[in-house]
Amino acid sequence: MSSTLKLVDVTKLPELNPKTSPMPQLGSLTNSKGKTVLLSNHASYETVILLEFLPNGELRGNHYHQHKQELLYIIEGKLTGYFWLPEDTTTLQKFTFTPGELITVPANIAHAYQAVEKTLVLELSTTRFDPADTCYQGIAIA
């Protein structure tokens, strides 16, 4: 049984369609030896982070980056993502992500995450992490 990798691209806020679409050039293969997931076959990454999200009700993130684009691959668990335009919090959109989904978060899109259950995520970026590039929003999510 094989599954497909899914992509959510938040560049089209506020017209974003929450449905995920298959990525034919990338994907996963499961066989008797285990699972292989191809996330990228063309880019060099400056930042690679393994993130654990715990279901304690707290938001993680709640910021945007002026230059850094992020890819987040959901390895296991269930995660709620919130995305909005920094200059207009009325654009806030909410999505739930599950294993096998790849989220693309472009620069200048604010984002926050909340674990529904213990979740493991791989974050990749072609831009080196720079704390000075992170702008905190402080938005309250109910």
N, C-alpha and C. Protein backbone atom coordinates (compact mmCIF):
# COMPACT_ATOMS: atom_id res chain seq x y z
N MET A 1 0.85 -1.19 0.00
CA MET A 1 0.00 0.00 0.00
C MET A 1 0.89 1.24 0.00
N SER A 2 0.68 2.14 -0.91
CA SER A 2 1.48 3.37 -0.93
C SER A 2 0.59 4.55 -0.65
N SER A 3 1.20 5.58 -0.08
CA SER A 3 0.44 6.80 0.18
C SER A 3 1.12 7.94 -0.56
N THR A 4 0.40 9.04 -0.74
CA THR A 4 0.97 10.18 -1.43
C THR A 4 1.27 11.29 -0.46
N LEU A 5 2.31 12.03 -0.77
CA LEU A 5 2.66 13.20 0.01
C LEU A 5 1.69 14.31 -0.37
N LYS A 6 1.27 15.12 0.59
CA LYS A 6 0.31 16.17 0.33
C LYS A 6 0.94 17.53 0.59
N LEU A 7 0.46 18.54 -0.08
CA LEU A 7 1.00 19.89 0.03
C LEU A 7 -0.10 20.89 0.34
N VAL A 8 0.18 21.78 1.26
CA VAL A 8 -0.70 22.93 1.50
C VAL A 8 0.19 24.15 1.33
N ASP A 9 -0.17 25.04 0.42
CA ASP A 9 0.61 26.23 0.14
C ASP A 9 -0.17 27.43 0.62
N VAL A 10 0.37 28.15 1.62
CA VAL A 10 -0.39 29.26 2.19
C VAL A 10 -0.08 30.59 1.50
N THR A 11 0.49 30.57 0.31
CA THR A 11 0.81 31.81 -0.39
C THR A 11 -0.44 32.53 -0.88
N LYS A 12 -1.56 31.85 -0.95
CA LYS A 12 -2.75 32.44 -1.53
C LYS A 12 -3.73 32.96 -0.48
N LEU A 13 -3.28 33.24 0.71
CA LEU A 13 -4.17 33.81 1.72
C LEU A 13 -4.75 35.12 1.20
N PRO A 14 -5.99 35.45 1.40
CA PRO A 14 -6.99 34.70 2.14
C PRO A 14 -7.81 33.75 1.28
N GLU A 15 -7.46 33.53 0.01
CA GLU A 15 -8.24 32.66 -0.86
C GLU A 15 -7.83 31.20 -0.76
N LEU A 16 -7.07 30.85 0.22
CA LEU A 16 -6.52 29.52 0.35
C LEU A 16 -7.58 28.43 0.40
N ASN A 17 -7.41 27.42 -0.39
CA ASN A 17 -8.26 26.25 -0.36
C ASN A 17 -7.63 25.25 0.60
N PRO A 18 -8.33 24.86 1.66
CA PRO A 18 -7.70 24.01 2.67
C PRO A 18 -7.44 22.58 2.21
N LYS A 19 -7.93 22.18 1.06
CA LYS A 19 -7.68 20.83 0.59
C LYS A 19 -6.21 20.68 0.20
N THR A 20 -5.69 19.50 0.40
CA THR A 20 -4.32 19.25 0.01
C THR A 20 -4.32 18.64 -1.38
N SER A 21 -3.21 18.78 -2.08
CA SER A 21 -3.11 18.22 -3.42
C SER A 21 -1.89 17.33 -3.50
N PRO A 22 -1.96 16.28 -4.32
CA PRO A 22 -0.82 15.37 -4.41
C PRO A 22 0.37 16.05 -5.08
N MET A 23 1.55 15.62 -4.72
CA MET A 23 2.78 16.12 -5.31
C MET A 23 3.39 14.99 -6.14
N PRO A 24 3.10 14.94 -7.43
CA PRO A 24 3.51 13.78 -8.23
C PRO A 24 5.02 13.56 -8.30
N GLN A 25 5.83 14.61 -8.19
CA GLN A 25 7.27 14.44 -8.29
C GLN A 25 7.88 13.96 -6.98
N LEU A 26 7.13 14.06 -5.90
CA LEU A 26 7.60 13.63 -4.59
C LEU A 26 6.61 12.62 -4.04
N GLY A 27 6.99 11.96 -2.98
CA GLY A 27 6.02 11.06 -2.38
C GLY A 27 6.67 10.06 -1.45
N SER A 28 5.90 9.06 -1.10
CA SER A 28 6.40 8.05 -0.18
C SER A 28 6.17 6.66 -0.76
N LEU A 29 7.00 5.75 -0.31
CA LEU A 29 6.93 4.37 -0.73
C LEU A 29 7.04 3.51 0.51
N THR A 30 6.12 2.61 0.69
CA THR A 30 6.16 1.69 1.81
C THR A 30 6.22 0.28 1.25
N ASN A 31 7.19 -0.49 1.71
CA ASN A 31 7.27 -1.89 1.32
C ASN A 31 7.71 -2.70 2.54
N SER A 32 8.07 -3.94 2.34
CA SER A 32 8.43 -4.82 3.45
C SER A 32 9.68 -4.36 4.19
N LYS A 33 10.47 -3.49 3.60
CA LYS A 33 11.70 -2.98 4.23
C LYS A 33 11.44 -1.76 5.10
N GLY A 34 10.29 -1.11 4.90
CA GLY A 34 9.98 0.10 5.65
C GLY A 34 9.46 1.19 4.73
N LYS A 35 9.48 2.42 5.23
CA LYS A 35 8.92 3.55 4.49
C LYS A 35 10.02 4.51 4.08
N THR A 36 9.96 4.99 2.85
CA THR A 36 10.86 6.01 2.33
C THR A 36 10.01 7.20 1.92
N VAL A 37 10.40 8.40 2.36
CA VAL A 37 9.67 9.61 2.00
C VAL A 37 10.64 10.56 1.32
N LEU A 38 10.36 10.92 0.08
CA LEU A 38 11.17 11.88 -0.67
C LEU A 38 10.53 13.25 -0.53
N LEU A 39 11.18 14.13 0.24
CA LEU A 39 10.65 15.48 0.47
C LEU A 39 11.16 16.46 -0.57
N SER A 40 12.39 16.26 -1.04
CA SER A 40 12.98 17.16 -2.02
C SER A 40 14.06 16.41 -2.77
N ASN A 41 14.18 16.72 -4.03
CA ASN A 41 15.21 16.10 -4.83
C ASN A 41 16.03 17.16 -5.57
N HIS A 42 15.95 18.42 -5.08
CA HIS A 42 16.61 19.48 -5.84
C HIS A 42 17.20 20.61 -5.01
N ALA A 43 16.85 20.73 -3.75
CA ALA A 43 17.28 21.91 -2.99
C ALA A 43 18.31 21.56 -1.93
N SER A 44 19.15 22.51 -1.61
CA SER A 44 20.06 22.40 -0.48
C SER A 44 19.42 23.14 0.68
N TYR A 45 19.43 22.52 1.85
CA TYR A 45 18.79 23.13 3.00
C TYR A 45 19.82 23.72 3.94
N GLU A 46 19.56 24.95 4.38
CA GLU A 46 20.40 25.64 5.36
C GLU A 46 19.91 25.35 6.77
N THR A 47 18.61 25.10 6.91
CA THR A 47 18.01 24.85 8.22
C THR A 47 17.25 23.54 8.17
N VAL A 48 17.54 22.65 9.11
CA VAL A 48 16.81 21.40 9.27
C VAL A 48 16.55 21.25 10.76
N ILE A 49 15.28 21.20 11.15
CA ILE A 49 14.90 21.14 12.56
C ILE A 49 13.87 20.03 12.76
N LEU A 50 14.06 19.23 13.78
CA LEU A 50 13.06 18.25 14.18
C LEU A 50 12.29 18.86 15.35
N LEU A 51 10.98 19.02 15.18
CA LEU A 51 10.14 19.68 16.19
C LEU A 51 9.16 18.68 16.80
N GLU A 52 9.03 18.74 18.10
CA GLU A 52 8.02 17.97 18.80
C GLU A 52 6.99 18.95 19.34
N PHE A 53 5.72 18.67 19.08
CA PHE A 53 4.61 19.48 19.58
C PHE A 53 3.83 18.64 20.58
N LEU A 54 3.62 19.17 21.77
CA LEU A 54 2.89 18.46 22.81
C LEU A 54 1.50 19.04 22.98
N PRO A 55 0.50 18.19 23.21
CA PRO A 55 -0.89 18.65 23.32
C PRO A 55 -1.21 19.26 24.68
N ASN A 56 -0.58 20.39 24.98
CA ASN A 56 -0.80 21.06 26.27
C ASN A 56 -1.62 22.34 26.11
N GLY A 57 -2.15 22.57 24.91
CA GLY A 57 -2.98 23.74 24.68
C GLY A 57 -2.23 25.00 24.31
N GLU A 58 -0.90 24.97 24.40
CA GLU A 58 -0.11 26.16 24.09
C GLU A 58 0.17 26.29 22.60
N LEU A 59 0.22 27.53 22.14
CA LEU A 59 0.59 27.82 20.76
C LEU A 59 2.11 27.78 20.62
N ARG A 60 2.56 27.34 19.47
CA ARG A 60 3.99 27.39 19.16
C ARG A 60 4.13 28.16 17.85
N GLY A 61 5.09 29.02 17.78
CA GLY A 61 5.27 29.87 16.60
C GLY A 61 4.75 31.25 16.92
N ASN A 62 3.58 31.58 16.33
CA ASN A 62 2.95 32.87 16.54
C ASN A 62 3.85 34.00 16.06
N HIS A 63 4.39 33.81 14.85
CA HIS A 63 5.33 34.77 14.27
C HIS A 63 5.33 34.63 12.75
N TYR A 64 6.11 35.46 12.11
CA TYR A 64 6.39 35.30 10.69
C TYR A 64 7.86 35.63 10.46
N HIS A 65 8.35 35.25 9.29
CA HIS A 65 9.74 35.55 8.91
C HIS A 65 9.72 36.48 7.71
N GLN A 66 10.57 37.47 7.74
CA GLN A 66 10.63 38.42 6.62
C GLN A 66 11.28 37.81 5.39
N HIS A 67 12.18 36.83 5.56
CA HIS A 67 12.91 36.27 4.42
C HIS A 67 12.82 34.75 4.33
N LYS A 68 12.64 34.08 5.43
CA LYS A 68 12.71 32.61 5.47
C LYS A 68 11.39 31.97 5.08
N GLN A 69 11.45 31.04 4.12
CA GLN A 69 10.32 30.18 3.79
C GLN A 69 10.57 28.85 4.48
N GLU A 70 9.51 28.23 4.98
CA GLU A 70 9.64 26.96 5.69
C GLU A 70 8.81 25.87 5.02
N LEU A 71 9.34 24.66 5.06
CA LEU A 71 8.58 23.47 4.71
C LEU A 71 8.47 22.65 5.98
N LEU A 72 7.28 22.23 6.33
CA LEU A 72 7.08 21.39 7.51
C LEU A 72 6.44 20.08 7.07
N TYR A 73 7.12 18.99 7.35
CA TYR A 73 6.61 17.66 7.01
C TYR A 73 6.11 17.00 8.29
N ILE A 74 4.85 16.59 8.30
CA ILE A 74 4.26 15.95 9.47
C ILE A 74 4.66 14.47 9.45
N ILE A 75 5.49 14.09 10.41
CA ILE A 75 5.96 12.70 10.50
C ILE A 75 4.91 11.85 11.20
N GLU A 76 4.47 12.29 12.37
CA GLU A 76 3.44 11.56 13.11
C GLU A 76 2.65 12.54 13.97
N GLY A 77 1.44 12.15 14.31
CA GLY A 77 0.60 12.98 15.16
C GLY A 77 -0.43 13.76 14.39
N LYS A 78 -0.96 14.79 15.04
CA LYS A 78 -2.00 15.64 14.45
C LYS A 78 -1.79 17.05 14.97
N LEU A 79 -1.77 18.01 14.06
CA LEU A 79 -1.39 19.38 14.37
C LEU A 79 -2.38 20.35 13.75
N THR A 80 -2.79 21.36 14.51
CA THR A 80 -3.60 22.44 13.96
C THR A 80 -2.67 23.59 13.63
N GLY A 81 -2.80 24.11 12.41
CA GLY A 81 -2.00 25.24 11.97
C GLY A 81 -2.89 26.45 11.74
N TYR A 82 -2.41 27.61 12.16
CA TYR A 82 -3.10 28.88 11.96
C TYR A 82 -2.21 29.76 11.10
N PHE A 83 -2.78 30.39 10.08
CA PHE A 83 -2.02 31.21 9.14
C PHE A 83 -2.79 32.50 8.88
N TRP A 84 -2.06 33.61 8.79
CA TRP A 84 -2.70 34.90 8.54
C TRP A 84 -1.67 35.86 7.96
N LEU A 85 -2.19 36.93 7.39
CA LEU A 85 -1.33 38.00 6.89
C LEU A 85 -0.95 38.88 8.08
N PRO A 86 0.32 39.19 8.27
CA PRO A 86 0.73 39.96 9.45
C PRO A 86 0.02 41.29 9.61
N GLU A 87 -0.31 41.95 8.51
CA GLU A 87 -0.94 43.26 8.60
C GLU A 87 -2.46 43.18 8.73
N ASP A 88 -3.03 41.96 8.70
CA ASP A 88 -4.48 41.82 8.75
C ASP A 88 -4.87 40.50 9.40
N THR A 89 -5.04 40.50 10.70
CA THR A 89 -5.35 39.26 11.42
C THR A 89 -6.75 38.72 11.10
N THR A 90 -7.58 39.50 10.40
CA THR A 90 -8.89 38.98 10.00
C THR A 90 -8.75 37.91 8.91
N THR A 91 -7.57 37.74 8.34
CA THR A 91 -7.34 36.72 7.32
C THR A 91 -7.03 35.35 7.94
N LEU A 92 -7.09 35.26 9.26
CA LEU A 92 -6.75 34.02 9.98
C LEU A 92 -7.48 32.82 9.40
N GLN A 93 -6.71 31.76 9.08
CA GLN A 93 -7.28 30.52 8.60
C GLN A 93 -6.69 29.37 9.40
N LYS A 94 -7.49 28.34 9.60
CA LYS A 94 -7.12 27.21 10.45
C LYS A 94 -7.20 25.92 9.64
N PHE A 95 -6.18 25.05 9.81
CA PHE A 95 -6.12 23.77 9.12
C PHE A 95 -5.63 22.70 10.09
N THR A 96 -6.05 21.49 9.88
CA THR A 96 -5.53 20.37 10.65
C THR A 96 -4.67 19.52 9.74
N PHE A 97 -3.47 19.18 10.21
CA PHE A 97 -2.52 18.41 9.42
C PHE A 97 -2.25 17.06 10.06
N THR A 98 -2.05 16.07 9.23
CA THR A 98 -1.81 14.70 9.67
C THR A 98 -0.56 14.15 8.98
N PRO A 99 -0.07 12.99 9.41
CA PRO A 99 1.16 12.45 8.83
C PRO A 99 1.13 12.36 7.31
N GLY A 100 2.27 12.70 6.71
CA GLY A 100 2.41 12.65 5.26
C GLY A 100 2.13 13.96 4.57
N GLU A 101 1.73 14.99 5.33
CA GLU A 101 1.46 16.28 4.70
C GLU A 101 2.68 17.18 4.79
N LEU A 102 2.91 17.92 3.73
CA LEU A 102 4.01 18.86 3.64
C LEU A 102 3.42 20.26 3.53
N ILE A 103 3.73 21.12 4.48
CA ILE A 103 3.18 22.47 4.55
C ILE A 103 4.25 23.44 4.06
N THR A 104 3.91 24.29 3.12
CA THR A 104 4.81 25.33 2.65
C THR A 104 4.35 26.64 3.26
N VAL A 105 5.24 27.28 4.04
CA VAL A 105 4.92 28.56 4.66
C VAL A 105 5.88 29.60 4.09
N PRO A 106 5.42 30.43 3.17
CA PRO A 106 6.29 31.45 2.57
C PRO A 106 6.67 32.53 3.58
N ALA A 107 7.68 33.28 3.25
CA ALA A 107 8.04 34.46 4.04
C ALA A 107 6.84 35.40 4.09
N ASN A 108 6.73 36.12 5.19
CA ASN A 108 5.69 37.12 5.41
C ASN A 108 4.28 36.56 5.53
N ILE A 109 4.18 35.28 5.90
CA ILE A 109 2.90 34.68 6.29
C ILE A 109 3.04 34.29 7.76
N ALA A 110 2.24 34.89 8.61
CA ALA A 110 2.30 34.59 10.04
C ALA A 110 1.72 33.19 10.28
N HIS A 111 2.28 32.50 11.27
CA HIS A 111 1.85 31.13 11.53
C HIS A 111 2.02 30.77 13.00
N ALA A 112 1.13 29.89 13.45
CA ALA A 112 1.18 29.34 14.81
C ALA A 112 0.64 27.92 14.73
N TYR A 113 1.10 27.08 15.65
CA TYR A 113 0.70 25.68 15.64
C TYR A 113 0.29 25.25 17.04
N GLN A 114 -0.63 24.28 17.08
CA GLN A 114 -1.11 23.74 18.33
C GLN A 114 -1.32 22.24 18.13
N ALA A 115 -0.71 21.44 19.00
CA ALA A 115 -0.81 19.99 18.87
C ALA A 115 -2.19 19.51 19.29
N VAL A 116 -2.82 18.68 18.46
CA VAL A 116 -4.05 18.00 18.81
C VAL A 116 -3.67 16.75 19.60
N GLU A 117 -2.56 16.14 19.19
CA GLU A 117 -1.95 15.02 19.89
C GLU A 117 -0.44 15.17 19.71
N LYS A 118 0.34 14.41 20.44
CA LYS A 118 1.79 14.52 20.31
C LYS A 118 2.16 14.38 18.84
N THR A 119 2.92 15.36 18.34
CA THR A 119 3.21 15.44 16.91
C THR A 119 4.70 15.65 16.69
N LEU A 120 5.23 14.97 15.69
CA LEU A 120 6.63 15.10 15.30
C LEU A 120 6.68 15.69 13.90
N VAL A 121 7.44 16.78 13.73
CA VAL A 121 7.49 17.53 12.47
C VAL A 121 8.95 17.76 12.08
N LEU A 122 9.24 17.64 10.80
CA LEU A 122 10.54 18.00 10.26
C LEU A 122 10.39 19.33 9.53
N GLU A 123 11.17 20.34 9.96
CA GLU A 123 11.16 21.64 9.30
C GLU A 123 12.40 21.78 8.44
N LEU A 124 12.21 22.23 7.20
CA LEU A 124 13.29 22.44 6.25
C LEU A 124 13.20 23.85 5.68
N SER A 125 14.36 24.47 5.47
CA SER A 125 14.37 25.78 4.82
C SER A 125 15.67 25.95 4.05
N THR A 126 15.58 26.56 2.89
CA THR A 126 16.79 26.87 2.12
C THR A 126 17.48 28.12 2.64
N THR A 127 16.85 28.78 3.62
CA THR A 127 17.41 29.96 4.26
C THR A 127 17.89 29.59 5.66
N ARG A 128 19.04 30.08 6.04
CA ARG A 128 19.58 29.84 7.38
C ARG A 128 18.70 30.55 8.41
N PHE A 129 18.44 29.87 9.54
CA PHE A 129 17.65 30.49 10.60
C PHE A 129 18.40 31.69 11.17
N ASP A 130 17.70 32.81 11.30
CA ASP A 130 18.26 34.04 11.85
C ASP A 130 17.19 34.62 12.78
N PRO A 131 17.44 34.65 14.09
CA PRO A 131 16.44 35.20 15.02
C PRO A 131 15.99 36.61 14.67
N ALA A 132 16.85 37.39 14.04
CA ALA A 132 16.49 38.77 13.67
C ALA A 132 15.44 38.79 12.55
N ASP A 133 15.25 37.66 11.85
CA ASP A 133 14.28 37.56 10.77
C ASP A 133 12.89 37.17 11.29
N THR A 134 12.78 36.88 12.57
CA THR A 134 11.52 36.43 13.17
C THR A 134 10.80 37.61 13.81
N CYS A 135 9.56 37.83 13.37
CA CYS A 135 8.74 38.92 13.90
C CYS A 135 7.56 38.29 14.64
N TYR A 136 7.47 38.51 15.93
CA TYR A 136 6.41 37.91 16.74
C TYR A 136 5.14 38.73 16.67
N GLN A 137 4.02 38.03 16.50
CA GLN A 137 2.71 38.64 16.34
C GLN A 137 1.97 38.79 17.66
N GLY A 138 1.99 37.78 18.50
CA GLY A 138 1.26 37.82 19.74
C GLY A 138 -0.24 37.70 19.57
N ILE A 139 -0.71 37.03 18.52
CA ILE A 139 -2.15 36.87 18.29
C ILE A 139 -2.71 35.82 19.25
N ALA A 140 -3.91 36.04 19.72
CA ALA A 140 -4.58 35.10 20.61
C ALA A 140 -5.49 34.20 19.78
N ILE A 141 -5.32 32.92 19.95
CA ILE A 141 -6.15 31.94 19.23
C ILE A 141 -7.09 31.31 20.26
N ALA A 142 -8.39 31.36 19.99
CA ALA A 142 -9.36 30.80 20.94
C ALA A 142 -9.54 29.32 20.69
